[in-house]
Amino acid sequence: MKSFNNKVAAITGAGSGIGQQLAVLLAQQGCHVALSDINEQGLASTLELLKSYPVTVSSQVLDVSNREAVQQWAQASVQQHGSVNMVFNNAGVALGSTVEGASYQELEWIVGINFWGVVYGTKEFLPFIKQTKDGHIINISSLFGLTAQPTQSAYNATKFAVRGFTESLRQELDMENCGVSSLCVHPGGIRTNIAKAAKMNDSVKSLGLDPVKSSQQFDKLLRTPPEDAAQQILQAVLKNKRRLLIGNDAKVLDAFQRIFPTGYQRVSGIMTKLMNK
């Protein structure tokens, strides 16, 4: 893909953060957008930001963990826009809990959104994107899809899964030589609503952690503006990259994990306790 002009992009989680900024930057470059978010008010705010751009915009309130709903949205997007060149599977949630303390309901909730949402978005749009012979699938993993952290087992599991799923997909697309590529994105701390919306249960107290302080410390780590993250993602698409790490925190911790593939785990546990004091 050489440019975004006159292309069509579908974006989940478009009501705020990276998703919203992707919509704005793409519209600025002449790309038509099909937007979705479970938050109707957030989606409306994004639509307001796009009013001045001469592109076609469609929107849908969507729960990405609902396979039939994602299927219907993909079909409706193609009907409304004529085609879809890209899908940004960006919607995500966070959960702070110990493995023992996480309820099955909480686990099903986060896996449904963070993993199955990516799977549904990929599979439902892929046949349409292949028809363009010039497309891209962009799946948002995380720094926590590269390194594991205490109290983040469920989040880690979903983001590691997104990484494996997307890297395997990229190899298959390369073998098919169909004109479509995929990109796995690993953001570090991005200033989005994910920390405010994160669930944190009391099980972390068994580790000597305070749930409120843990949420506050996590929020402090969110330093990269979402518009910067969105810009880097679009540049990576144009460069046809396979993996993108966003933020110095992601790059440093990824390198640390590579050098100390098991030793980093002890350091993470110690740092988590120190930051909670």
C-alpha atoms as a PDB file:
ATOM      1  CA  MET A   1       0.000   0.000   0.000  1.00  0.00           C
ATOM      2  CA  LYS A   2       1.572   3.271  -1.156  1.00  0.00           C
ATOM      3  CA  SER A   3      -0.981   5.702   0.257  1.00  0.00           C
ATOM      4  CA  PHE A   4      -4.316   5.844   2.076  1.00  0.00           C
ATOM      5  CA  ASN A   5      -6.003   8.171  -0.384  1.00  0.00           C
ATOM      6  CA  ASN A   6      -9.359   6.790  -1.563  1.00  0.00           C
ATOM      7  CA  LYS A   7      -8.888   3.599   0.452  1.00  0.00           C
ATOM      8  CA  VAL A   8     -11.402   2.288   2.999  1.00  0.00           C
ATOM      9  CA  ALA A   9     -10.465   1.432   6.585  1.00  0.00           C
ATOM     10  CA  ALA A  10     -12.552  -0.308   9.251  1.00  0.00           C
ATOM     11  CA  ILE A  11     -11.618   0.547  12.844  1.00  0.00           C
ATOM     12  CA  THR A  12     -12.807  -1.007  16.098  1.00  0.00           C
ATOM     13  CA  GLY A  13     -12.536   0.935  19.334  1.00  0.00           C
ATOM     14  CA  ALA A  14     -12.853   4.147  17.296  1.00  0.00           C
ATOM     15  CA  GLY A  15     -14.603   6.111  20.054  1.00  0.00           C
ATOM     16  CA  SER A  16     -11.414   7.177  21.839  1.00  0.00           C
ATOM     17  CA  GLY A  17      -7.658   6.817  22.070  1.00  0.00           C
ATOM     18  CA  ILE A  18      -5.677   5.231  19.269  1.00  0.00           C
ATOM     19  CA  GLY A  19      -8.798   4.227  17.333  1.00  0.00           C
ATOM     20  CA  GLN A  20     -10.131   7.765  17.279  1.00  0.00           C
ATOM     21  CA  GLN A  21      -6.773   9.192  16.214  1.00  0.00           C
ATOM     22  CA  LEU A  22      -6.432   6.593  13.458  1.00  0.00           C
ATOM     23  CA  ALA A  23      -9.815   7.700  12.123  1.00  0.00           C
ATOM     24  CA  VAL A  24      -8.786  11.369  12.117  1.00  0.00           C
ATOM     25  CA  LEU A  25      -5.379  10.807  10.511  1.00  0.00           C
ATOM     26  CA  LEU A  26      -6.804   8.519   7.842  1.00  0.00           C
ATOM     27  CA  ALA A  27      -9.597  10.964   7.018  1.00  0.00           C
ATOM     28  CA  GLN A  28      -7.006  13.725   6.692  1.00  0.00           C
ATOM     29  CA  GLN A  29      -5.287  11.602   4.051  1.00  0.00           C
ATOM     30  CA  GLY A  30      -8.458  10.984   2.054  1.00  0.00           C
ATOM     31  CA  CYS A  31      -9.293   7.552   3.437  1.00  0.00           C
ATOM     32  CA  HIS A  32     -12.931   6.597   3.924  1.00  0.00           C
ATOM     33  CA  VAL A  33     -13.666   5.006   7.303  1.00  0.00           C
ATOM     34  CA  ALA A  34     -16.088   2.481   8.807  1.00  0.00           C
ATOM     35  CA  LEU A  35     -16.039   3.046  12.554  1.00  0.00           C
ATOM     36  CA  SER A  36     -17.237   0.962  15.480  1.00  0.00           C
ATOM     37  CA  ASP A  37     -17.176   1.174  19.256  1.00  0.00           C
ATOM     38  CA  ILE A  38     -19.273  -0.170  22.101  1.00  0.00           C
ATOM     39  CA  ASN A  39     -19.443   3.374  23.517  1.00  0.00           C
ATOM     40  CA  GLU A  40     -22.072   5.283  21.555  1.00  0.00           C
ATOM     41  CA  GLN A  41     -21.107   8.636  23.049  1.00  0.00           C
ATOM     42  CA  GLY A  42     -17.429   8.137  22.206  1.00  0.00           C
ATOM     43  CA  LEU A  43     -18.335   7.129  18.676  1.00  0.00           C
ATOM     44  CA  ALA A  44     -20.398  10.294  18.301  1.00  0.00           C
ATOM     45  CA  SER A  45     -17.419  12.412  19.388  1.00  0.00           C
ATOM     46  CA  THR A  46     -15.259  10.807  16.706  1.00  0.00           C
ATOM     47  CA  LEU A  47     -17.901  11.447  14.061  1.00  0.00           C
ATOM     48  CA  GLU A  48     -17.924  15.103  15.096  1.00  0.00           C
ATOM     49  CA  LEU A  49     -14.145  15.302  14.565  1.00  0.00           C
ATOM     50  CA  LEU A  50     -14.517  13.938  11.021  1.00  0.00           C
ATOM     51  CA  LYS A  51     -17.288  16.253   9.845  1.00  0.00           C
ATOM     52  CA  SER A  52     -14.976  18.619   7.974  1.00  0.00           C
ATOM     53  CA  TYR A  53     -13.206  15.958   5.898  1.00  0.00           C
ATOM     54  CA  PRO A  54     -14.464  15.069   2.393  1.00  0.00           C
ATOM     55  CA  VAL A  55     -14.596  11.325   3.024  1.00  0.00           C
ATOM     56  CA  THR A  56     -17.385   8.807   3.500  1.00  0.00           C
ATOM     57  CA  VAL A  57     -17.879   7.854   7.144  1.00  0.00           C
ATOM     58  CA  SER A  58     -20.081   5.084   8.518  1.00  0.00           C
ATOM     59  CA  SER A  59     -20.440   4.031  12.136  1.00  0.00           C
ATOM     60  CA  GLN A  60     -21.827   1.174  14.198  1.00  0.00           C
ATOM     61  CA  VAL A  61     -22.209   0.626  17.936  1.00  0.00           C
ATOM     62  CA  LEU A  62     -20.527  -2.751  18.273  1.00  0.00           C
ATOM     63  CA  ASP A  63     -19.533  -5.356  20.827  1.00  0.00           C
ATOM     64  CA  VAL A  64     -16.530  -7.024  19.183  1.00  0.00           C
ATOM     65  CA  SER A  65     -16.942 -10.130  21.332  1.00  0.00           C
ATOM     66  CA  ASN A  66     -20.198 -10.853  19.459  1.00  0.00           C
ATOM     67  CA  ARG A  67     -19.261 -12.829  16.334  1.00  0.00           C
ATOM     68  CA  GLU A  68     -22.567 -12.337  14.546  1.00  0.00           C
ATOM     69  CA  ALA A  69     -22.482  -8.599  15.215  1.00  0.00           C
ATOM     70  CA  VAL A  70     -18.946  -8.306  13.796  1.00  0.00           C
ATOM     71  CA  GLN A  71     -19.982 -10.351  10.767  1.00  0.00           C
ATOM     72  CA  GLN A  72     -22.940  -8.058  10.128  1.00  0.00           C
ATOM     73  CA  TRP A  73     -20.772  -4.962  10.571  1.00  0.00           C
ATOM     74  CA  ALA A  74     -18.189  -6.239   8.082  1.00  0.00           C
ATOM     75  CA  GLN A  75     -20.866  -6.961   5.488  1.00  0.00           C
ATOM     76  CA  ALA A  76     -22.579  -3.621   6.092  1.00  0.00           C
ATOM     77  CA  SER A  77     -19.253  -1.780   5.782  1.00  0.00           C
ATOM     78  CA  VAL A  78     -18.593  -3.314   2.381  1.00  0.00           C
ATOM     79  CA  GLN A  79     -22.125  -2.535   1.240  1.00  0.00           C
ATOM     80  CA  GLN A  80     -21.829   1.082   2.367  1.00  0.00           C
ATOM     81  CA  HIS A  81     -18.327   1.739   1.045  1.00  0.00           C
ATOM     82  CA  GLY A  82     -18.071  -0.682  -1.875  1.00  0.00           C
ATOM     83  CA  SER A  83     -14.916  -2.307  -0.491  1.00  0.00           C
ATOM     84  CA  VAL A  84     -12.632  -2.411   2.551  1.00  0.00           C
ATOM     85  CA  ASN A  85      -8.835  -2.264   2.241  1.00  0.00           C
ATOM     86  CA  MET A  86      -7.862  -2.309   5.915  1.00  0.00           C
ATOM     87  CA  VAL A  87      -9.153  -3.356   9.292  1.00  0.00           C
ATOM     88  CA  PHE A  88      -7.657  -2.026  12.521  1.00  0.00           C
ATOM     89  CA  ASN A  89      -8.607  -4.465  15.306  1.00  0.00           C
ATOM     90  CA  ASN A  90      -7.983  -1.978  18.060  1.00  0.00           C
ATOM     91  CA  ALA A  91     -10.720  -2.453  20.690  1.00  0.00           C
ATOM     92  CA  GLY A  92      -9.405  -3.713  24.017  1.00  0.00           C
ATOM     93  CA  VAL A  93      -9.903  -3.862  27.783  1.00  0.00           C
ATOM     94  CA  ALA A  94      -7.719  -4.531  30.830  1.00  0.00           C
ATOM     95  CA  LEU A  95      -8.060  -6.619  33.975  1.00  0.00           C
ATOM     96  CA  GLY A  96      -5.881  -6.549  37.075  1.00  0.00           C
ATOM     97  CA  SER A  97      -6.100  -9.755  39.087  1.00  0.00           C
ATOM     98  CA  THR A  98      -4.150 -12.728  40.317  1.00  0.00           C
ATOM     99  CA  VAL A  99      -4.633 -15.985  38.434  1.00  0.00           C
ATOM    100  CA  GLU A 100      -6.341 -17.504  41.448  1.00  0.00           C
ATOM    101  CA  GLY A 101      -8.543 -14.481  42.043  1.00  0.00           C
ATOM    102  CA  ALA A 102      -9.819 -14.003  38.500  1.00  0.00           C
ATOM    103  CA  SER A 103     -13.350 -15.274  38.053  1.00  0.00           C
ATOM    104  CA  TYR A 104     -14.248 -17.275  34.970  1.00  0.00           C
ATOM    105  CA  GLN A 105     -16.686 -14.512  34.075  1.00  0.00           C
ATOM    106  CA  GLU A 106     -13.867 -11.935  34.124  1.00  0.00           C
ATOM    107  CA  LEU A 107     -11.634 -14.198  32.054  1.00  0.00           C
ATOM    108  CA  GLU A 108     -14.335 -14.808  29.470  1.00  0.00           C
ATOM    109  CA  TRP A 109     -15.001 -11.050  29.310  1.00  0.00           C
ATOM    110  CA  ILE A 110     -11.402 -10.059  28.546  1.00  0.00           C
ATOM    111  CA  VAL A 111     -10.731 -12.984  26.188  1.00  0.00           C
ATOM    112  CA  GLY A 112     -13.952 -12.237  24.324  1.00  0.00           C
ATOM    113  CA  ILE A 113     -12.923  -8.664  23.597  1.00  0.00           C
ATOM    114  CA  ASN A 114      -9.126  -8.758  23.370  1.00  0.00           C
ATOM    115  CA  PHE A 115      -8.694 -12.062  21.549  1.00  0.00           C
ATOM    116  CA  TRP A 116     -11.951 -13.163  19.955  1.00  0.00           C
ATOM    117  CA  GLY A 117     -12.641  -9.580  18.889  1.00  0.00           C
ATOM    118  CA  VAL A 118      -9.382  -9.624  16.922  1.00  0.00           C
ATOM    119  CA  VAL A 119     -10.134 -13.064  15.481  1.00  0.00           C
ATOM    120  CA  TYR A 120     -13.646 -12.058  14.404  1.00  0.00           C
ATOM    121  CA  GLY A 121     -12.463  -8.781  12.903  1.00  0.00           C
ATOM    122  CA  THR A 122      -9.697 -10.535  11.012  1.00  0.00           C
ATOM    123  CA  LYS A 123     -11.729 -13.437   9.663  1.00  0.00           C
ATOM    124  CA  GLU A 124     -14.831 -11.440   8.719  1.00  0.00           C
ATOM    125  CA  PHE A 125     -12.927  -8.726   6.849  1.00  0.00           C
ATOM    126  CA  LEU A 126     -10.133 -10.850   5.346  1.00  0.00           C
ATOM    127  CA  PRO A 127     -12.111 -12.191   2.334  1.00  0.00           C
ATOM    128  CA  PHE A 128     -13.222  -8.655   1.450  1.00  0.00           C
ATOM    129  CA  ILE A 129      -9.736  -7.220   1.884  1.00  0.00           C
ATOM    130  CA  LYS A 130      -8.298  -9.938  -0.348  1.00  0.00           C
ATOM    131  CA  GLN A 131     -10.646  -8.829  -3.119  1.00  0.00           C
ATOM    132  CA  THR A 132      -8.883  -5.448  -3.221  1.00  0.00           C
ATOM    133  CA  LYS A 133      -5.460  -7.120  -3.723  1.00  0.00           C
ATOM    134  CA  ASP A 134      -4.023  -4.131  -1.850  1.00  0.00           C
ATOM    135  CA  GLY A 135      -4.884  -4.417   1.808  1.00  0.00           C
ATOM    136  CA  HIS A 136      -3.725  -4.694   5.373  1.00  0.00           C
ATOM    137  CA  ILE A 137      -4.867  -6.220   8.665  1.00  0.00           C
ATOM    138  CA  ILE A 138      -3.585  -4.357  11.712  1.00  0.00           C
ATOM    139  CA  ASN A 139      -3.977  -6.106  15.055  1.00  0.00           C
ATOM    140  CA  ILE A 140      -3.204  -4.288  18.294  1.00  0.00           C
ATOM    141  CA  SER A 141      -1.345  -6.430  20.816  1.00  0.00           C
ATOM    142  CA  SER A 142       0.642  -4.748  23.608  1.00  0.00           C
ATOM    143  CA  LEU A 143       3.981  -4.472  25.328  1.00  0.00           C
ATOM    144  CA  PHE A 144       2.354  -7.112  27.540  1.00  0.00           C
ATOM    145  CA  GLY A 145       2.208  -9.337  24.473  1.00  0.00           C
ATOM    146  CA  LEU A 146       6.013  -9.446  24.686  1.00  0.00           C
ATOM    147  CA  THR A 147       6.626  -9.602  28.442  1.00  0.00           C
ATOM    148  CA  ALA A 148       4.478 -11.030  31.229  1.00  0.00           C
ATOM    149  CA  GLN A 149       3.669  -9.047  34.362  1.00  0.00           C
ATOM    150  CA  PRO A 150       2.182  -9.944  37.766  1.00  0.00           C
ATOM    151  CA  THR A 151      -1.569  -9.191  38.111  1.00  0.00           C
ATOM    152  CA  GLN A 152      -1.842  -9.133  34.295  1.00  0.00           C
ATOM    153  CA  SER A 153      -2.138 -12.850  33.508  1.00  0.00           C
ATOM    154  CA  ALA A 154      -5.442 -12.553  31.634  1.00  0.00           C
ATOM    155  CA  TYR A 155      -4.351  -9.442  29.735  1.00  0.00           C
ATOM    156  CA  ASN A 156      -0.982 -11.056  28.971  1.00  0.00           C
ATOM    157  CA  ALA A 157      -2.700 -14.206  27.720  1.00  0.00           C
ATOM    158  CA  THR A 158      -4.895 -12.285  25.280  1.00  0.00           C
ATOM    159  CA  LYS A 159      -2.111 -10.078  23.978  1.00  0.00           C
ATOM    160  CA  PHE A 160       0.357 -12.956  23.569  1.00  0.00           C
ATOM    161  CA  ALA A 161      -2.413 -14.739  21.662  1.00  0.00           C
ATOM    162  CA  VAL A 162      -2.952 -11.759  19.373  1.00  0.00           C
ATOM    163  CA  ARG A 163       0.775 -11.731  18.638  1.00  0.00           C
ATOM    164  CA  GLY A 164       0.903 -15.427  17.720  1.00  0.00           C
ATOM    165  CA  PHE A 165      -2.289 -15.217  15.690  1.00  0.00           C
ATOM    166  CA  THR A 166      -1.091 -12.198  13.709  1.00  0.00           C
ATOM    167  CA  GLU A 167       2.433 -13.452  13.078  1.00  0.00           C
ATOM    168  CA  SER A 168       1.062 -16.754  11.771  1.00  0.00           C
ATOM    169  CA  LEU A 169      -1.411 -14.855   9.596  1.00  0.00           C
ATOM    170  CA  ARG A 170       1.381 -12.748   8.105  1.00  0.00           C
ATOM    171  CA  GLN A 171       3.319 -15.853   7.098  1.00  0.00           C
ATOM    172  CA  GLU A 172       0.250 -17.349   5.419  1.00  0.00           C
ATOM    173  CA  LEU A 173      -0.452 -14.115   3.527  1.00  0.00           C
ATOM    174  CA  ASP A 174       3.186 -14.002   2.372  1.00  0.00           C
ATOM    175  CA  MET A 175       2.910 -17.581   1.107  1.00  0.00           C
ATOM    176  CA  GLU A 176      -0.303 -16.783  -0.763  1.00  0.00           C
ATOM    177  CA  ASN A 177       1.195 -13.645  -2.328  1.00  0.00           C
ATOM    178  CA  CYS A 178      -2.323 -12.193  -2.403  1.00  0.00           C
ATOM    179  CA  GLY A 179      -1.446  -8.515  -2.004  1.00  0.00           C
ATOM    180  CA  VAL A 180      -2.537  -8.425   1.644  1.00  0.00           C
ATOM    181  CA  SER A 181      -0.271  -8.047   4.688  1.00  0.00           C
ATOM    182  CA  SER A 182      -0.693  -7.987   8.446  1.00  0.00           C
ATOM    183  CA  LEU A 183       0.954  -5.954  11.168  1.00  0.00           C
ATOM    184  CA  CYS A 184       1.161  -6.720  14.888  1.00  0.00           C
ATOM    185  CA  VAL A 185       1.389  -3.575  17.030  1.00  0.00           C
ATOM    186  CA  HIS A 186       2.870  -3.575  20.544  1.00  0.00           C
ATOM    187  CA  PRO A 187       2.183  -0.250  22.232  1.00  0.00           C
ATOM    188  CA  GLY A 188       3.789   0.601  25.550  1.00  0.00           C
ATOM    189  CA  GLY A 189       2.058   3.125  27.787  1.00  0.00           C
ATOM    190  CA  ILE A 190      -0.383   5.081  25.618  1.00  0.00           C
ATOM    191  CA  ARG A 191      -2.557   7.841  27.126  1.00  0.00           C
ATOM    192  CA  THR A 192      -5.930   6.228  26.489  1.00  0.00           C
ATOM    193  CA  ASN A 193      -8.978   5.354  28.580  1.00  0.00           C
ATOM    194  CA  ILE A 194      -7.859   1.755  29.090  1.00  0.00           C
ATOM    195  CA  ALA A 195      -6.518   2.414  32.599  1.00  0.00           C
ATOM    196  CA  LYS A 196      -9.656   4.255  33.700  1.00  0.00           C
ATOM    197  CA  ALA A 197     -11.862   1.497  32.287  1.00  0.00           C
ATOM    198  CA  ALA A 198      -9.708  -1.355  33.599  1.00  0.00           C
ATOM    199  CA  LYS A 199     -11.159  -3.793  36.092  1.00  0.00           C
ATOM    200  CA  MET A 200      -9.019  -4.357  39.186  1.00  0.00           C
ATOM    201  CA  ASN A 201     -10.242  -6.863  41.753  1.00  0.00           C
ATOM    202  CA  ASP A 202      -9.229  -7.269  45.373  1.00  0.00           C
ATOM    203  CA  SER A 203      -7.262 -10.462  44.740  1.00  0.00           C
ATOM    204  CA  VAL A 204      -4.118  -8.345  44.207  1.00  0.00           C
ATOM    205  CA  LYS A 205      -4.118  -7.709  47.964  1.00  0.00           C
ATOM    206  CA  SER A 206      -2.799 -11.251  48.408  1.00  0.00           C
ATOM    207  CA  LEU A 207       0.401 -10.026  46.733  1.00  0.00           C
ATOM    208  CA  GLY A 208       0.706  -7.102  49.117  1.00  0.00           C
ATOM    209  CA  LEU A 209      -0.670  -4.650  46.537  1.00  0.00           C
ATOM    210  CA  ASP A 210      -3.322  -1.976  46.898  1.00  0.00           C
ATOM    211  CA  PRO A 211      -5.888  -2.086  44.048  1.00  0.00           C
ATOM    212  CA  VAL A 212      -6.333   1.703  44.002  1.00  0.00           C
ATOM    213  CA  LYS A 213      -2.600   2.417  44.042  1.00  0.00           C
ATOM    214  CA  SER A 214      -2.026  -0.210  41.363  1.00  0.00           C
ATOM    215  CA  SER A 215      -4.519   1.512  39.068  1.00  0.00           C
ATOM    216  CA  GLN A 216      -2.964   4.906  39.784  1.00  0.00           C
ATOM    217  CA  GLN A 217       0.559   3.654  39.087  1.00  0.00           C
ATOM    218  CA  PHE A 218      -0.591   2.009  35.862  1.00  0.00           C
ATOM    219  CA  ASP A 219      -2.162   5.294  34.790  1.00  0.00           C
ATOM    220  CA  LYS A 220       1.132   7.146  35.403  1.00  0.00           C
ATOM    221  CA  LEU A 221       2.906   4.827  32.962  1.00  0.00           C
ATOM    222  CA  LEU A 222       0.663   5.959  30.101  1.00  0.00           C
ATOM    223  CA  ARG A 223       2.889   8.619  28.554  1.00  0.00           C
ATOM    224  CA  THR A 224       2.719   8.382  24.757  1.00  0.00           C
ATOM    225  CA  PRO A 225      -0.053  10.518  23.182  1.00  0.00           C
ATOM    226  CA  PRO A 226      -2.502   8.399  21.153  1.00  0.00           C
ATOM    227  CA  GLU A 227      -2.019  10.626  18.114  1.00  0.00           C
ATOM    228  CA  ASP A 228       1.700   9.747  18.112  1.00  0.00           C
ATOM    229  CA  ALA A 229       0.868   6.053  18.345  1.00  0.00           C
ATOM    230  CA  ALA A 230      -1.627   6.311  15.492  1.00  0.00           C
ATOM    231  CA  GLN A 231       0.903   8.116  13.307  1.00  0.00           C
ATOM    232  CA  GLN A 232       3.511   5.421  13.904  1.00  0.00           C
ATOM    233  CA  ILE A 233       0.999   2.689  13.079  1.00  0.00           C
ATOM    234  CA  LEU A 234       0.097   4.274   9.738  1.00  0.00           C
ATOM    235  CA  GLN A 235       3.755   4.732   8.851  1.00  0.00           C
ATOM    236  CA  ALA A 236       4.377   1.051   9.662  1.00  0.00           C
ATOM    237  CA  VAL A 237       1.525   0.061   7.342  1.00  0.00           C
ATOM    238  CA  LEU A 238       3.013   2.061   4.474  1.00  0.00           C
ATOM    239  CA  LYS A 239       6.416   0.494   5.151  1.00  0.00           C
ATOM    240  CA  ASN A 240       4.805  -2.969   5.273  1.00  0.00           C
ATOM    241  CA  LYS A 241       6.350  -3.784   8.644  1.00  0.00           C
ATOM    242  CA  ARG A 242       5.588  -7.038  10.418  1.00  0.00           C
ATOM    243  CA  ARG A 243       5.916  -5.742  13.975  1.00  0.00           C
ATOM    244  CA  LEU A 244       5.786  -2.299  15.552  1.00  0.00           C
ATOM    245  CA  LEU A 245       6.877  -1.380  19.070  1.00  0.00           C
ATOM    246  CA  ILE A 246       5.586   1.998  20.245  1.00  0.00           C
ATOM    247  CA  GLY A 247       7.330   3.914  23.009  1.00  0.00           C
ATOM    248  CA  ASN A 248      10.711   3.657  24.676  1.00  0.00           C
ATOM    249  CA  ASP A 249       9.166   1.571  27.458  1.00  0.00           C
ATOM    250  CA  ALA A 250       8.143  -1.080  24.952  1.00  0.00           C
ATOM    251  CA  LYS A 251      11.559  -1.079  23.289  1.00  0.00           C
ATOM    252  CA  VAL A 252      13.517  -1.217  26.553  1.00  0.00           C
ATOM    253  CA  LEU A 253      11.424  -3.962  28.144  1.00  0.00           C
ATOM    254  CA  ASP A 254      11.435  -5.995  24.932  1.00  0.00           C
ATOM    255  CA  ALA A 255      15.244  -5.816  24.843  1.00  0.00           C
ATOM    256  CA  PHE A 256      15.456  -6.664  28.554  1.00  0.00           C
ATOM    257  CA  GLN A 257      13.264  -9.720  28.042  1.00  0.00           C
ATOM    258  CA  ARG A 258      15.397 -10.886  25.117  1.00  0.00           C
ATOM    259  CA  ILE A 259      18.604 -10.578  27.157  1.00  0.00           C
ATOM    260  CA  PHE A 260      17.123 -12.062  30.341  1.00  0.00           C
ATOM    261  CA  PRO A 261      14.272 -14.301  29.119  1.00  0.00           C
ATOM    262  CA  THR A 262      13.578 -15.706  32.607  1.00  0.00           C
ATOM    263  CA  GLY A 263      15.432 -13.268  34.875  1.00  0.00           C
ATOM    264  CA  TYR A 264      13.164 -10.381  33.893  1.00  0.00           C
ATOM    265  CA  GLN A 265      10.297 -12.100  35.733  1.00  0.00           C
ATOM    266  CA  ARG A 266      11.902 -11.617  39.149  1.00  0.00           C
ATOM    267  CA  VAL A 267      12.646  -7.986  38.355  1.00  0.00           C
ATOM    268  CA  SER A 268       9.039  -7.377  37.283  1.00  0.00           C
ATOM    269  CA  GLY A 269       7.729  -8.758  40.565  1.00  0.00           C
ATOM    270  CA  ILE A 270      10.100  -6.603  42.631  1.00  0.00           C
ATOM    271  CA  MET A 271       9.330  -3.468  40.625  1.00  0.00           C
ATOM    272  CA  THR A 272       5.586  -4.035  40.897  1.00  0.00           C
ATOM    273  CA  LYS A 273       5.822  -4.081  44.689  1.00  0.00           C
ATOM    274  CA  LEU A 274       8.142  -1.054  44.842  1.00  0.00           C
ATOM    275  CA  MET A 275       5.866   1.010  42.612  1.00  0.00           C
ATOM    276  CA  ASN A 276       2.869   0.183  44.804  1.00  0.00           C
ATOM    277  CA  LYS A 277       4.403   1.706  47.955  1.00  0.00           C
END
